[in-house]
PDB file of N, CA and C in Angstrom:
ATOM      1  N   UNK A   1      -9.114 -12.819   7.095  1.00  0.00           N
ATOM      2  CA  UNK A   1      -7.743 -12.684   7.499  1.00  0.00           C
ATOM      3  C   UNK A   1      -7.673 -11.721   8.677  1.00  0.00           C
ATOM      4  N   UNK A   2      -6.795 -12.017   9.597  1.00  0.00           N
ATOM      5  CA  UNK A   2      -6.743 -11.244  10.827  1.00  0.00           C
ATOM      6  C   UNK A   2      -5.427 -10.521  11.062  1.00  0.00           C
ATOM      7  N   UNK A   3      -4.499 -10.602  10.108  1.00  0.00           N
ATOM      8  CA  UNK A   3      -3.219  -9.920  10.292  1.00  0.00           C
ATOM      9  C   UNK A   3      -2.624  -9.586   8.930  1.00  0.00           C
ATOM     10  N   UNK A   4      -1.665  -8.686   8.946  1.00  0.00           N
ATOM     11  CA  UNK A   4      -0.979  -8.322   7.710  1.00  0.00           C
ATOM     12  C   UNK A   4      -0.216  -9.524   7.178  1.00  0.00           C
ATOM     13  N   UNK A   5       0.335 -10.328   8.065  1.00  0.00           N
ATOM     14  CA  UNK A   5       1.055 -11.532   7.637  1.00  0.00           C
ATOM     15  C   UNK A   5       0.118 -12.466   6.872  1.00  0.00           C
ATOM     16  N   UNK A   6      -1.109 -12.645   7.360  1.00  0.00           N
ATOM     17  CA  UNK A   6      -2.074 -13.498   6.661  1.00  0.00           C
ATOM     18  C   UNK A   6      -2.426 -12.923   5.291  1.00  0.00           C
ATOM     19  N   UNK A   7      -2.601 -11.605   5.217  1.00  0.00           N
ATOM     20  CA  UNK A   7      -2.900 -10.966   3.931  1.00  0.00           C
ATOM     21  C   UNK A   7      -1.729 -11.155   2.969  1.00  0.00           C
ATOM     22  N   UNK A   8      -0.513 -10.940   3.440  1.00  0.00           N
ATOM     23  CA  UNK A   8       0.675 -11.109   2.598  1.00  0.00           C
ATOM     24  C   UNK A   8       0.778 -12.564   2.130  1.00  0.00           C
ATOM     25  N   UNK A   9       0.575 -13.514   3.019  1.00  0.00           N
ATOM     26  CA  UNK A   9       0.619 -14.928   2.636  1.00  0.00           C
ATOM     27  C   UNK A   9      -0.415 -15.234   1.553  1.00  0.00           C
ATOM     28  N   UNK A  10      -1.631 -14.682   1.703  1.00  0.00           N
ATOM     29  CA  UNK A  10      -2.678 -14.860   0.701  1.00  0.00           C
ATOM     30  C   UNK A  10      -2.237 -14.292  -0.650  1.00  0.00           C
ATOM     31  N   UNK A  11      -1.682 -13.076  -0.639  1.00  0.00           N
ATOM     32  CA  UNK A  11      -1.255 -12.428  -1.884  1.00  0.00           C
ATOM     33  C   UNK A  11      -0.099 -13.174  -2.550  1.00  0.00           C
ATOM     34  N   UNK A  12       0.773 -13.757  -1.754  1.00  0.00           N
ATOM     35  CA  UNK A  12       1.860 -14.574  -2.299  1.00  0.00           C
ATOM     36  C   UNK A  12       1.275 -15.838  -2.935  1.00  0.00           C
ATOM     37  N   UNK A  13       0.419 -16.537  -2.194  1.00  0.00           N
ATOM     38  CA  UNK A  13      -0.193 -17.774  -2.694  1.00  0.00           C
ATOM     39  C   UNK A  13      -1.017 -17.534  -3.954  1.00  0.00           C
ATOM     40  N   UNK A  14      -1.667 -16.382  -4.036  1.00  0.00           N
ATOM     41  CA  UNK A  14      -2.501 -16.052  -5.190  1.00  0.00           C
ATOM     42  C   UNK A  14      -1.677 -15.538  -6.369  1.00  0.00           C
ATOM     43  N   UNK A  15      -0.375 -15.329  -6.161  1.00  0.00           N
ATOM     44  CA  UNK A  15       0.501 -14.909  -7.242  1.00  0.00           C
ATOM     45  C   UNK A  15       0.604 -13.406  -7.452  1.00  0.00           C
ATOM     46  N   UNK A  16       0.125 -12.610  -6.478  1.00  0.00           N
ATOM     47  CA  UNK A  16       0.170 -11.158  -6.630  1.00  0.00           C
ATOM     48  C   UNK A  16       1.424 -10.532  -6.042  1.00  0.00           C
ATOM     49  N   UNK A  17       2.022 -11.178  -5.087  1.00  0.00           N
ATOM     50  CA  UNK A  17       3.257 -10.680  -4.475  1.00  0.00           C
ATOM     51  C   UNK A  17       4.386 -11.668  -4.768  1.00  0.00           C
ATOM     52  N   UNK A  18       5.511 -11.153  -5.288  1.00  0.00           N
ATOM     53  CA  UNK A  18       6.657 -12.028  -5.583  1.00  0.00           C
ATOM     54  C   UNK A  18       7.969 -11.469  -5.051  1.00  0.00           C
ATOM     55  N   UNK A  19       8.178 -10.176  -5.266  1.00  0.00           N
ATOM     56  CA  UNK A  19       9.472  -9.561  -4.958  1.00  0.00           C
ATOM     57  C   UNK A  19       9.668  -9.428  -3.449  1.00  0.00           C
ATOM     58  N   UNK A  20      10.803  -9.887  -2.951  1.00  0.00           N
ATOM     59  CA  UNK A  20      11.066  -9.803  -1.507  1.00  0.00           C
ATOM     60  C   UNK A  20      10.964  -8.377  -0.955  1.00  0.00           C
ATOM     61  N   UNK A  21      11.443  -7.376  -1.692  1.00  0.00           N
ATOM     62  CA  UNK A  21      11.373  -5.994  -1.213  1.00  0.00           C
ATOM     63  C   UNK A  21       9.939  -5.522  -1.040  1.00  0.00           C
ATOM     64  N   UNK A  22       9.079  -5.855  -1.984  1.00  0.00           N
ATOM     65  CA  UNK A  22       7.673  -5.448  -1.893  1.00  0.00           C
ATOM     66  C   UNK A  22       6.983  -6.213  -0.767  1.00  0.00           C
ATOM     67  N   UNK A  23       7.305  -7.476  -0.621  1.00  0.00           N
ATOM     68  CA  UNK A  23       6.739  -8.274   0.482  1.00  0.00           C
ATOM     69  C   UNK A  23       7.132  -7.637   1.822  1.00  0.00           C
ATOM     70  N   UNK A  24       8.405  -7.289   1.981  1.00  0.00           N
ATOM     71  CA  UNK A  24       8.861  -6.661   3.228  1.00  0.00           C
ATOM     72  C   UNK A  24       8.173  -5.320   3.470  1.00  0.00           C
ATOM     73  N   UNK A  25       7.990  -4.531   2.404  1.00  0.00           N
ATOM     74  CA  UNK A  25       7.308  -3.241   2.545  1.00  0.00           C
ATOM     75  C   UNK A  25       5.873  -3.455   3.010  1.00  0.00           C
ATOM     76  N   UNK A  26       5.177  -4.425   2.447  1.00  0.00           N
ATOM     77  CA  UNK A  26       3.806  -4.738   2.867  1.00  0.00           C
ATOM     78  C   UNK A  26       3.778  -5.104   4.348  1.00  0.00           C
ATOM     79  N   UNK A  27       4.742  -5.894   4.786  1.00  0.00           N
ATOM     80  CA  UNK A  27       4.763  -6.307   6.189  1.00  0.00           C
ATOM     81  C   UNK A  27       5.087  -5.142   7.126  1.00  0.00           C
ATOM     82  N   UNK A  28       5.897  -4.185   6.682  1.00  0.00           N
ATOM     83  CA  UNK A  28       6.248  -3.038   7.524  1.00  0.00           C
ATOM     84  C   UNK A  28       5.150  -1.986   7.574  1.00  0.00           C
ATOM     85  N   UNK A  29       4.444  -1.785   6.466  1.00  0.00           N
ATOM     86  CA  UNK A  29       3.408  -0.747   6.380  1.00  0.00           C
ATOM     87  C   UNK A  29       2.034  -1.387   6.532  1.00  0.00           C
ATOM     88  N   UNK A  30       1.688  -1.706   7.753  1.00  0.00           N
ATOM     89  CA  UNK A  30       0.447  -2.405   8.059  1.00  0.00           C
ATOM     90  C   UNK A  30      -0.768  -1.595   7.606  1.00  0.00           C
ATOM     91  N   UNK A  31      -1.566  -2.171   6.753  1.00  0.00           N
ATOM     92  CA  UNK A  31      -2.730  -1.490   6.173  1.00  0.00           C
ATOM     93  C   UNK A  31      -3.718  -1.009   7.233  1.00  0.00           C
ATOM     94  N   UNK A  32      -3.757  -1.659   8.369  1.00  0.00           N
ATOM     95  CA  UNK A  32      -4.701  -1.277   9.427  1.00  0.00           C
ATOM     96  C   UNK A  32      -4.478   0.164   9.884  1.00  0.00           C
ATOM     97  N   UNK A  33      -3.258   0.656   9.741  1.00  0.00           N
ATOM     98  CA  UNK A  33      -2.936   2.026  10.154  1.00  0.00           C
ATOM     99  C   UNK A  33      -3.408   3.086   9.163  1.00  0.00           C
ATOM    100  N   UNK A  34      -3.983   2.663   8.037  1.00  0.00           N
ATOM    101  CA  UNK A  34      -4.378   3.593   6.987  1.00  0.00           C
ATOM    102  C   UNK A  34      -5.872   3.539   6.670  1.00  0.00           C
ATOM    103  N   UNK A  35      -6.651   2.836   7.491  1.00  0.00           N
ATOM    104  CA  UNK A  35      -8.095   2.748   7.281  1.00  0.00           C
ATOM    105  C   UNK A  35      -8.827   3.410   8.444  1.00  0.00           C
ATOM    106  N   UNK A  36     -10.094   3.730   8.214  1.00  0.00           N
ATOM    107  CA  UNK A  36     -10.919   4.280   9.292  1.00  0.00           C
ATOM    108  C   UNK A  36     -11.008   3.279  10.437  1.00  0.00           C
ATOM    109  N   UNK A  37     -11.072   3.764  11.673  1.00  0.00           N
ATOM    110  CA  UNK A  37     -11.191   2.850  12.820  1.00  0.00           C
ATOM    111  C   UNK A  37     -12.354   1.860  12.683  1.00  0.00           C
ATOM    112  N   UNK A  38     -13.454   2.301  12.110  1.00  0.00           N
ATOM    113  CA  UNK A  38     -14.605   1.419  11.939  1.00  0.00           C
ATOM    114  C   UNK A  38     -14.397   0.316  10.917  1.00  0.00           C
ATOM    115  N   UNK A  39     -13.349   0.428  10.120  1.00  0.00           N
ATOM    116  CA  UNK A  39     -13.044  -0.589   9.107  1.00  0.00           C
ATOM    117  C   UNK A  39     -11.835  -1.438   9.465  1.00  0.00           C
ATOM    118  N   UNK A  40     -11.308  -1.282  10.653  1.00  0.00           N
ATOM    119  CA  UNK A  40     -10.109  -2.042  11.029  1.00  0.00           C
ATOM    120  C   UNK A  40     -10.320  -3.549  10.954  1.00  0.00           C
ATOM    121  N   UNK A  41     -11.543  -3.982  11.186  1.00  0.00           N
ATOM    122  CA  UNK A  41     -11.816  -5.422  11.106  1.00  0.00           C
ATOM    123  C   UNK A  41     -11.748  -5.937   9.667  1.00  0.00           C
ATOM    124  N   UNK A  42     -11.750  -5.024   8.684  1.00  0.00           N
ATOM    125  CA  UNK A  42     -11.657  -5.410   7.273  1.00  0.00           C
ATOM    126  C   UNK A  42     -10.324  -5.005   6.642  1.00  0.00           C
ATOM    127  N   UNK A  43      -9.414  -4.475   7.425  1.00  0.00           N
ATOM    128  CA  UNK A  43      -8.141  -3.972   6.884  1.00  0.00           C
ATOM    129  C   UNK A  43      -7.355  -5.048   6.155  1.00  0.00           C
ATOM    130  N   UNK A  44      -7.494  -6.292   6.556  1.00  0.00           N
ATOM    131  CA  UNK A  44      -6.713  -7.371   5.971  1.00  0.00           C
ATOM    132  C   UNK A  44      -7.483  -8.159   4.914  1.00  0.00           C
ATOM    133  N   UNK A  45      -8.615  -7.635   4.492  1.00  0.00           N
ATOM    134  CA  UNK A  45      -9.370  -8.226   3.391  1.00  0.00           C
ATOM    135  C   UNK A  45      -8.816  -7.675   2.085  1.00  0.00           C
ATOM    136  N   UNK A  46      -8.801  -8.495   1.068  1.00  0.00           N
ATOM    137  CA  UNK A  46      -8.306  -8.056  -0.238  1.00  0.00           C
ATOM    138  C   UNK A  46      -9.431  -7.342  -0.974  1.00  0.00           C
ATOM    139  N   UNK A  47      -9.739  -6.147  -0.475  1.00  0.00           N
ATOM    140  CA  UNK A  47     -10.817  -5.349  -1.052  1.00  0.00           C
ATOM    141  C   UNK A  47     -10.535  -3.872  -0.807  1.00  0.00           C
ATOM    142  N   UNK A  48     -11.043  -2.995  -1.688  1.00  0.00           N
ATOM    143  CA  UNK A  48     -10.912  -1.565  -1.409  1.00  0.00           C
ATOM    144  C   UNK A  48     -11.818  -1.193  -0.239  1.00  0.00           C
ATOM    145  N   UNK A  49     -11.426  -0.186   0.529  1.00  0.00           N
ATOM    146  CA  UNK A  49     -12.239   0.287   1.651  1.00  0.00           C
ATOM    147  C   UNK A  49     -12.420   1.791   1.521  1.00  0.00           C
ATOM    148  N   UNK A  50     -13.599   2.265   1.863  1.00  0.00           N
ATOM    149  CA  UNK A  50     -13.881   3.699   1.782  1.00  0.00           C
ATOM    150  C   UNK A  50     -13.046   4.468   2.800  1.00  0.00           C
ATOM    151  N   UNK A  51     -12.522   5.617   2.353  1.00  0.00           N
ATOM    152  CA  UNK A  51     -11.762   6.494   3.256  1.00  0.00           C
ATOM    153  C   UNK A  51     -12.385   7.886   3.301  1.00  0.00           C
ATOM    154  N   UNK A  52     -13.589   8.008   2.780  1.00  0.00           N
ATOM    155  CA  UNK A  52     -14.298   9.278   2.796  1.00  0.00           C
ATOM    156  C   UNK A  52     -14.163  10.051   1.503  1.00  0.00           C
ATOM    157  N   UNK A  53     -15.036  11.032   1.339  1.00  0.00           N
ATOM    158  CA  UNK A  53     -15.008  11.933   0.173  1.00  0.00           C
ATOM    159  C   UNK A  53     -15.068  11.172  -1.156  1.00  0.00           C
ATOM    160  N   UNK A  54     -15.740  10.008  -1.158  1.00  0.00           N
ATOM    161  CA  UNK A  54     -15.875   9.227  -2.379  1.00  0.00           C
ATOM    162  C   UNK A  54     -14.614   8.496  -2.807  1.00  0.00           C
ATOM    163  N   UNK A  55     -13.636   8.382  -1.926  1.00  0.00           N
ATOM    164  CA  UNK A  55     -12.377   7.723  -2.247  1.00  0.00           C
ATOM    165  C   UNK A  55     -12.245   6.404  -1.494  1.00  0.00           C
ATOM    166  N   UNK A  56     -11.313   5.589  -1.968  1.00  0.00           N
ATOM    167  CA  UNK A  56     -11.041   4.320  -1.302  1.00  0.00           C
ATOM    168  C   UNK A  56      -9.537   4.129  -1.127  1.00  0.00           C
ATOM    169  N   UNK A  57      -9.191   3.305  -0.153  1.00  0.00           N
ATOM    170  CA  UNK A  57      -7.835   2.772  -0.077  1.00  0.00           C
ATOM    171  C   UNK A  57      -7.860   1.564  -1.007  1.00  0.00           C
ATOM    172  N   UNK A  58      -6.897   1.476  -1.883  1.00  0.00           N
ATOM    173  CA  UNK A  58      -6.927   0.479  -2.946  1.00  0.00           C
ATOM    174  C   UNK A  58      -6.881  -0.952  -2.420  1.00  0.00           C
ATOM    175  N   UNK A  59      -7.412  -1.838  -3.244  1.00  0.00           N
ATOM    176  CA  UNK A  59      -7.374  -3.271  -2.965  1.00  0.00           C
ATOM    177  C   UNK A  59      -5.915  -3.724  -2.936  1.00  0.00           C
ATOM    178  N   UNK A  60      -5.504  -4.478  -1.926  1.00  0.00           N
ATOM    179  CA  UNK A  60      -4.103  -4.881  -1.809  1.00  0.00           C
ATOM    180  C   UNK A  60      -3.530  -5.555  -3.057  1.00  0.00           C
ATOM    181  N   UNK A  61      -4.307  -6.383  -3.733  1.00  0.00           N
ATOM    182  CA  UNK A  61      -3.764  -7.050  -4.924  1.00  0.00           C
ATOM    183  C   UNK A  61      -3.452  -6.034  -6.030  1.00  0.00           C
ATOM    184  N   UNK A  62      -4.243  -4.969  -6.116  1.00  0.00           N
ATOM    185  CA  UNK A  62      -4.003  -3.929  -7.111  1.00  0.00           C
ATOM    186  C   UNK A  62      -2.727  -3.167  -6.774  1.00  0.00           C
ATOM    187  N   UNK A  63      -2.529  -2.861  -5.498  1.00  0.00           N
ATOM    188  CA  UNK A  63      -1.309  -2.165  -5.065  1.00  0.00           C
ATOM    189  C   UNK A  63      -0.089  -3.046  -5.324  1.00  0.00           C
ATOM    190  N   UNK A  64      -0.189  -4.333  -5.005  1.00  0.00           N
ATOM    191  CA  UNK A  64       0.922  -5.257  -5.243  1.00  0.00           C
ATOM    192  C   UNK A  64       1.270  -5.310  -6.731  1.00  0.00           C
ATOM    193  N   UNK A  65       0.248  -5.388  -7.594  1.00  0.00           N
ATOM    194  CA  UNK A  65       0.464  -5.445  -9.034  1.00  0.00           C
ATOM    195  C   UNK A  65       1.101  -4.154  -9.541  1.00  0.00           C
ATOM    196  N   UNK A  66       0.596  -3.020  -9.043  1.00  0.00           N
ATOM    197  CA  UNK A  66       1.131  -1.722  -9.446  1.00  0.00           C
ATOM    198  C   UNK A  66       2.613  -1.606  -9.066  1.00  0.00           C
ATOM    199  N   UNK A  67       2.947  -1.988  -7.837  1.00  0.00           N
ATOM    200  CA  UNK A  67       4.339  -1.909  -7.391  1.00  0.00           C
ATOM    201  C   UNK A  67       5.222  -2.867  -8.181  1.00  0.00           C
ATOM    202  N   UNK A  68       4.682  -4.025  -8.530  1.00  0.00           N
ATOM    203  CA  UNK A  68       5.428  -4.984  -9.342  1.00  0.00           C
ATOM    204  C   UNK A  68       5.774  -4.374 -10.705  1.00  0.00           C
ATOM    205  N   UNK A  69       4.803  -3.696 -11.319  1.00  0.00           N
ATOM    206  CA  UNK A  69       5.040  -3.074 -12.619  1.00  0.00           C
ATOM    207  C   UNK A  69       6.003  -1.892 -12.523  1.00  0.00           C
ATOM    208  N   UNK A  70       5.859  -1.096 -11.475  1.00  0.00           N
ATOM    209  CA  UNK A  70       6.693   0.092 -11.298  1.00  0.00           C
ATOM    210  C   UNK A  70       8.131  -0.259 -10.938  1.00  0.00           C
ATOM    211  N   UNK A  71       8.296  -1.284 -10.127  1.00  0.00           N
ATOM    212  CA  UNK A  71       9.601  -1.724  -9.626  1.00  0.00           C
ATOM    213  C   UNK A  71      10.414  -0.584  -9.009  1.00  0.00           C
ATOM    214  N   UNK A  72       9.843   0.104  -8.023  1.00  0.00           N
ATOM    215  CA  UNK A  72      10.606   1.168  -7.358  1.00  0.00           C
ATOM    216  C   UNK A  72      11.769   0.566  -6.573  1.00  0.00           C
ATOM    217  N   UNK A  73      12.887   1.249  -6.617  1.00  0.00           N
ATOM    218  CA  UNK A  73      14.062   0.735  -5.926  1.00  0.00           C
ATOM    219  C   UNK A  73      14.792   1.805  -5.152  1.00  0.00           C
ATOM    220  N   UNK A  74      15.777   1.374  -4.429  1.00  0.00           N
ATOM    221  CA  UNK A  74      16.605   2.241  -3.600  1.00  0.00           C
ATOM    222  C   UNK A  74      17.088   3.443  -4.409  1.00  0.00           C
ATOM    223  N   UNK A  75      16.836   4.636  -3.885  1.00  0.00           N
ATOM    224  CA  UNK A  75      17.301   5.862  -4.499  1.00  0.00           C
ATOM    225  C   UNK A  75      16.394   6.452  -5.569  1.00  0.00           C
ATOM    226  N   UNK A  76      15.326   5.759  -5.927  1.00  0.00           N
ATOM    227  CA  UNK A  76      14.418   6.282  -6.958  1.00  0.00           C
ATOM    228  C   UNK A  76      13.621   7.475  -6.436  1.00  0.00           C
ATOM    229  N   UNK A  77      13.130   8.271  -7.370  1.00  0.00           N
ATOM    230  CA  UNK A  77      12.205   9.361  -7.064  1.00  0.00           C
ATOM    231  C   UNK A  77      10.871   9.007  -7.697  1.00  0.00           C
ATOM    232  N   UNK A  78       9.791   9.122  -6.907  1.00  0.00           N
ATOM    233  CA  UNK A  78       8.468   8.694  -7.355  1.00  0.00           C
ATOM    234  C   UNK A  78       7.447   9.783  -7.040  1.00  0.00           C
ATOM    235  N   UNK A  79       6.527  10.017  -7.968  1.00  0.00           N
ATOM    236  CA  UNK A  79       5.405  10.924  -7.754  1.00  0.00           C
ATOM    237  C   UNK A  79       4.149  10.085  -7.581  1.00  0.00           C
ATOM    238  N   UNK A  80       3.488  10.224  -6.447  1.00  0.00           N
ATOM    239  CA  UNK A  80       2.245   9.505  -6.150  1.00  0.00           C
ATOM    240  C   UNK A  80       1.092  10.500  -6.251  1.00  0.00           C
ATOM    241  N   UNK A  81       0.372  10.464  -7.364  1.00  0.00           N
ATOM    242  CA  UNK A  81      -0.741  11.380  -7.593  1.00  0.00           C
ATOM    243  C   UNK A  81      -2.021  10.720  -7.093  1.00  0.00           C
ATOM    244  N   UNK A  82      -2.723  11.418  -6.205  1.00  0.00           N
ATOM    245  CA  UNK A  82      -3.933  10.856  -5.599  1.00  0.00           C
ATOM    246  C   UNK A  82      -3.565   9.937  -4.454  1.00  0.00           C
ATOM    247  N   UNK A  83      -2.830  10.466  -3.500  1.00  0.00           N
ATOM    248  CA  UNK A  83      -2.249   9.641  -2.433  1.00  0.00           C
ATOM    249  C   UNK A  83      -3.253   9.138  -1.401  1.00  0.00           C
ATOM    250  N   UNK A  84      -4.454   9.715  -1.364  1.00  0.00           N
ATOM    251  CA  UNK A  84      -5.525   9.192  -0.515  1.00  0.00           C
ATOM    252  C   UNK A  84      -5.125   8.984   0.933  1.00  0.00           C
ATOM    253  N   UNK A  85      -5.207   7.753   1.393  1.00  0.00           N
ATOM    254  CA  UNK A  85      -4.915   7.424   2.796  1.00  0.00           C
ATOM    255  C   UNK A  85      -3.430   7.482   3.117  1.00  0.00           C
ATOM    256  N   UNK A  86      -2.590   7.403   2.093  1.00  0.00           N
ATOM    257  CA  UNK A  86      -1.148   7.419   2.302  1.00  0.00           C
ATOM    258  C   UNK A  86      -0.497   6.048   2.348  1.00  0.00           C
ATOM    259  N   UNK A  87      -1.291   4.979   2.244  1.00  0.00           N
ATOM    260  CA  UNK A  87      -0.723   3.629   2.335  1.00  0.00           C
ATOM    261  C   UNK A  87       0.261   3.355   1.206  1.00  0.00           C
ATOM    262  N   UNK A  88      -0.137   3.629  -0.033  1.00  0.00           N
ATOM    263  CA  UNK A  88       0.765   3.399  -1.157  1.00  0.00           C
ATOM    264  C   UNK A  88       1.985   4.305  -1.057  1.00  0.00           C
ATOM    265  N   UNK A  89       1.795   5.525  -0.612  1.00  0.00           N
ATOM    266  CA  UNK A  89       2.912   6.451  -0.421  1.00  0.00           C
ATOM    267  C   UNK A  89       3.908   5.873   0.581  1.00  0.00           C
ATOM    268  N   UNK A  90       3.398   5.325   1.673  1.00  0.00           N
ATOM    269  CA  UNK A  90       4.264   4.729   2.700  1.00  0.00           C
ATOM    270  C   UNK A  90       5.008   3.514   2.148  1.00  0.00           C
ATOM    271  N   UNK A  91       4.318   2.689   1.363  1.00  0.00           N
ATOM    272  CA  UNK A  91       4.975   1.534   0.740  1.00  0.00           C
ATOM    273  C   UNK A  91       6.090   1.993  -0.192  1.00  0.00           C
ATOM    274  N   UNK A  92       5.791   2.995  -1.002  1.00  0.00           N
ATOM    275  CA  UNK A  92       6.800   3.538  -1.922  1.00  0.00           C
ATOM    276  C   UNK A  92       8.003   4.089  -1.163  1.00  0.00           C
ATOM    277  N   UNK A  93       7.745   4.812  -0.080  1.00  0.00           N
ATOM    278  CA  UNK A  93       8.838   5.375   0.718  1.00  0.00           C
ATOM    279  C   UNK A  93       9.730   4.274   1.275  1.00  0.00           C
ATOM    280  N   UNK A  94       9.134   3.200   1.703  1.00  0.00           N
ATOM    281  CA  UNK A  94       9.914   2.065   2.204  1.00  0.00           C
ATOM    282  C   UNK A  94      10.773   1.476   1.085  1.00  0.00           C
ATOM    283  N   UNK A  95      10.222   1.404  -0.098  1.00  0.00           N
ATOM    284  CA  UNK A  95      10.929   0.791  -1.224  1.00  0.00           C
ATOM    285  C   UNK A  95      12.061   1.659  -1.783  1.00  0.00           C
ATOM    286  N   UNK A  96      11.905   2.973  -1.769  1.00  0.00           N
ATOM    287  CA  UNK A  96      12.961   3.838  -2.305  1.00  0.00           C
ATOM    288  C   UNK A  96      14.026   4.156  -1.264  1.00  0.00           C
ATOM    289  N   UNK A  97      13.721   3.937  -0.010  1.00  0.00           N
ATOM    290  CA  UNK A  97      14.701   4.110   1.060  1.00  0.00           C
ATOM    291  C   UNK A  97      15.058   5.558   1.336  1.00  0.00           C
ATOM    292  N   UNK A  98      16.030   5.738   2.205  1.00  0.00           N
ATOM    293  CA  UNK A  98      16.434   7.078   2.639  1.00  0.00           C
ATOM    294  C   UNK A  98      17.063   7.909   1.527  1.00  0.00           C
ATOM    295  N   UNK A  99      17.655   7.273   0.546  1.00  0.00           N
ATOM    296  CA  UNK A  99      18.283   8.010  -0.548  1.00  0.00           C
ATOM    297  C   UNK A  99      17.277   8.381  -1.640  1.00  0.00           C
ATOM    298  N   UNK A 100      16.107   7.780  -1.605  1.00  0.00           N
ATOM    299  CA  UNK A 100      15.067   8.083  -2.578  1.00  0.00           C
ATOM    300  C   UNK A 100      14.102   9.136  -2.055  1.00  0.00           C
ATOM    301  N   UNK A 101      13.155   9.497  -2.890  1.00  0.00           N
ATOM    302  CA  UNK A 101      12.141  10.480  -2.506  1.00  0.00           C
ATOM    303  C   UNK A 101      10.797  10.069  -3.093  1.00  0.00           C
ATOM    304  N   UNK A 102       9.753  10.261  -2.297  1.00  0.00           N
ATOM    305  CA  UNK A 102       8.395  10.077  -2.775  1.00  0.00           C
ATOM    306  C   UNK A 102       7.672  11.398  -2.579  1.00  0.00           C
ATOM    307  N   UNK A 103       7.110  11.894  -3.648  1.00  0.00           N
ATOM    308  CA  UNK A 103       6.321  13.118  -3.617  1.00  0.00           C
ATOM    309  C   UNK A 103       4.874  12.711  -3.785  1.00  0.00           C
ATOM    310  N   UNK A 104       4.041  13.058  -2.808  1.00  0.00           N
ATOM    311  CA  UNK A 104       2.625  12.670  -2.836  1.00  0.00           C
ATOM    312  C   UNK A 104       1.749  13.900  -2.964  1.00  0.00           C
ATOM    313  N   UNK A 105       0.747  13.792  -3.813  1.00  0.00           N
ATOM    314  CA  UNK A 105      -0.186  14.870  -4.054  1.00  0.00           C
ATOM    315  C   UNK A 105      -1.593  14.324  -3.875  1.00  0.00           C
ATOM    316  N   UNK A 106      -2.411  15.075  -3.125  1.00  0.00           N
ATOM    317  CA  UNK A 106      -3.815  14.698  -2.918  1.00  0.00           C
ATOM    318  C   UNK A 106      -4.687  15.926  -3.124  1.00  0.00           C
ATOM    319  N   UNK A 107      -5.735  15.811  -3.902  1.00  0.00           N
ATOM    320  CA  UNK A 107      -6.593  16.952  -4.211  1.00  0.00           C
ATOM    321  C   UNK A 107      -7.571  17.280  -3.074  1.00  0.00           C
ATOM    322  N   UNK A 108      -7.853  16.316  -2.226  1.00  0.00           N
ATOM    323  CA  UNK A 108      -8.784  16.534  -1.123  1.00  0.00           C
ATOM    324  C   UNK A 108      -7.970  16.855   0.131  1.00  0.00           C
ATOM    325  N   UNK A 109      -8.099  18.060   0.626  1.00  0.00           N
ATOM    326  CA  UNK A 109      -7.261  18.536   1.730  1.00  0.00           C
ATOM    327  C   UNK A 109      -7.418  17.730   3.005  1.00  0.00           C
ATOM    328  N   UNK A 110      -8.617  17.313   3.346  1.00  0.00           N
ATOM    329  CA  UNK A 110      -8.822  16.591   4.604  1.00  0.00           C
ATOM    330  C   UNK A 110      -8.215  15.208   4.545  1.00  0.00           C
TER     331      UNK A 110
END
């Protein structure tokens, strides 16, 4: 896959993405902006990617499933423990909107 749109289409076809709000958040928060430059060619693959310090940016299908279960909405407050690259945090922020809040905590300072 070569674009976020292709990844989103794949996740929809595979049954991992359903909710319009989550689909829109995925399209706005392009995963390529949250991976190492050397992994940009794999940003749209449905796989976890290393982000250093033994951590990964989660597999897109796992993030889609997690957001589906959580069902964050406008005005919600969410705590993101282990925010890593910040991709899930950014998706959550998009979903809760300006009236909501996302608090992200990461144990690795860098």
